[in-house]
N, C-alpha and C. Protein backbone atom coordinates (compact mmCIF):
# COMPACT_ATOMS: atom_id res chain seq x y z
N MET A 1 114.27 159.73 13.60
CA MET A 1 112.88 160.02 13.32
C MET A 1 112.64 161.47 13.19
N ASN A 2 111.86 161.98 12.30
CA ASN A 2 111.40 163.28 12.25
C ASN A 2 110.14 163.46 12.82
N VAL A 3 109.71 164.68 13.13
CA VAL A 3 108.36 164.88 13.95
C VAL A 3 107.20 164.17 13.21
N GLU A 4 107.09 164.29 11.90
CA GLU A 4 106.02 163.54 11.15
C GLU A 4 105.93 162.01 11.51
N GLU A 5 107.16 161.46 11.52
CA GLU A 5 107.29 159.95 11.85
C GLU A 5 106.81 159.74 13.28
N LEU A 6 107.37 160.57 14.16
CA LEU A 6 106.87 160.46 15.60
C LEU A 6 105.35 160.71 15.84
N ALA A 7 104.87 161.64 15.23
CA ALA A 7 103.34 161.81 15.25
C ALA A 7 102.55 160.66 14.74
N ARG A 8 102.99 160.06 13.60
CA ARG A 8 102.31 158.88 13.21
C ARG A 8 102.40 157.76 14.09
N LYS A 9 103.58 157.65 14.63
CA LYS A 9 103.73 156.59 15.65
C LYS A 9 102.93 156.73 16.99
N TYR A 10 102.91 157.98 17.56
CA TYR A 10 102.38 158.20 18.76
C TYR A 10 100.99 158.59 18.75
N TYR A 11 100.36 159.04 17.82
CA TYR A 11 99.00 159.47 17.68
C TYR A 11 98.08 158.29 17.42
N PRO A 12 96.99 158.02 18.06
CA PRO A 12 96.48 158.75 19.33
C PRO A 12 96.88 158.10 20.55
N MET A 13 97.77 157.21 20.61
CA MET A 13 98.01 156.50 21.87
C MET A 13 98.59 157.37 22.89
N LEU A 14 99.74 158.06 22.54
CA LEU A 14 100.41 158.95 23.36
C LEU A 14 100.15 160.37 23.27
N TRP A 15 100.04 160.78 22.07
CA TRP A 15 99.82 162.12 21.55
C TRP A 15 98.38 162.32 21.23
N ASP A 16 97.65 163.40 21.63
CA ASP A 16 96.34 163.72 21.33
C ASP A 16 96.26 164.87 20.18
N LYS A 17 95.00 165.24 19.84
CA LYS A 17 94.85 166.20 18.86
C LYS A 17 95.48 167.46 19.13
N GLN A 18 95.47 167.87 20.47
CA GLN A 18 96.16 169.13 20.95
C GLN A 18 97.52 169.16 20.73
N ARG A 19 98.20 167.99 20.83
CA ARG A 19 99.69 167.90 20.61
C ARG A 19 100.00 168.07 19.11
N ILE A 20 99.15 167.45 18.25
CA ILE A 20 99.36 167.44 16.78
C ILE A 20 99.20 168.99 16.43
N GLU A 21 98.18 169.64 16.90
CA GLU A 21 97.96 171.06 16.62
C GLU A 21 99.08 171.94 17.08
N ALA A 22 99.63 171.62 18.29
CA ALA A 22 100.68 172.45 18.75
C ALA A 22 101.76 172.31 17.97
N LEU A 23 102.21 171.19 17.36
CA LEU A 23 103.24 171.00 16.44
C LEU A 23 102.94 171.77 15.12
N VAL A 24 101.79 171.88 14.60
CA VAL A 24 101.53 172.59 13.60
C VAL A 24 101.72 174.15 13.84
N ALA A 25 101.15 174.59 15.03
CA ALA A 25 101.28 175.94 15.32
C ALA A 25 102.84 176.37 15.49
N ALA A 26 103.58 175.45 15.98
CA ALA A 26 105.01 175.71 16.07
C ALA A 26 105.89 175.56 14.79
N GLY A 27 105.20 175.22 13.77
CA GLY A 27 105.88 175.06 12.40
C GLY A 27 106.67 173.81 12.37
N ARG A 28 106.44 172.83 13.22
CA ARG A 28 107.18 171.64 13.13
C ARG A 28 106.58 170.56 12.33
N LEU A 29 105.22 170.72 12.03
CA LEU A 29 104.45 169.83 11.22
C LEU A 29 103.62 170.56 10.19
N SER A 30 103.49 170.10 9.10
CA SER A 30 102.65 170.75 8.15
C SER A 30 101.18 170.47 8.39
N ARG A 31 100.25 171.35 7.99
CA ARG A 31 98.89 171.25 8.19
C ARG A 31 98.36 169.95 7.51
N GLU A 32 98.92 169.72 6.20
CA GLU A 32 98.59 168.67 5.43
C GLU A 32 98.89 167.23 6.08
N ALA A 33 100.11 167.23 6.73
CA ALA A 33 100.47 166.04 7.47
C ALA A 33 99.68 165.85 8.72
N ALA A 34 99.38 166.89 9.37
CA ALA A 34 98.56 166.64 10.56
C ALA A 34 97.29 166.25 10.21
N GLU A 35 96.61 166.75 9.21
CA GLU A 35 95.20 166.32 8.71
C GLU A 35 95.22 164.78 8.40
N ALA A 36 96.32 164.38 7.68
CA ALA A 36 96.38 162.97 7.33
C ALA A 36 96.56 162.02 8.49
N ILE A 37 97.35 162.49 9.51
CA ILE A 37 97.65 161.75 10.67
C ILE A 37 96.48 161.56 11.54
N MET A 38 95.63 162.59 11.67
CA MET A 38 94.43 162.74 12.38
C MET A 38 93.28 161.79 11.80
N GLU A 39 93.24 161.76 10.45
CA GLU A 39 92.31 160.97 9.73
C GLU A 39 92.75 159.51 9.71
N GLY A 40 93.96 159.19 10.08
CA GLY A 40 94.35 157.87 10.08
C GLY A 40 95.02 157.30 8.78
N GLY A 41 95.28 158.27 7.90
CA GLY A 41 95.84 157.99 6.64
C GLY A 41 97.40 157.86 6.80
N LYS A 42 97.84 156.68 6.02
CA LYS A 42 99.27 156.43 6.03
C LYS A 42 99.85 156.78 4.68
N LYS A 43 101.05 157.34 4.65
CA LYS A 43 101.82 157.58 3.38
C LYS A 43 102.97 156.63 3.43
N GLU A 44 102.78 155.49 2.88
CA GLU A 44 103.74 154.53 2.69
C GLU A 44 104.04 154.07 1.26
C-alpha cells in the first residue's frame, strides 16, 4: 500500500486532519489527494 491508500483507509478513524496535513507538508501526499480524502471522495 502507498501513502494515499493508507490515508484513504485510516482517515478519519485513526488518522485526523493534522496527520493528513503532515503528510502533505512532508511531500508524501499531494495536496489534491489530501483534499479528496478529507472531502470523502473516492477515486475508484
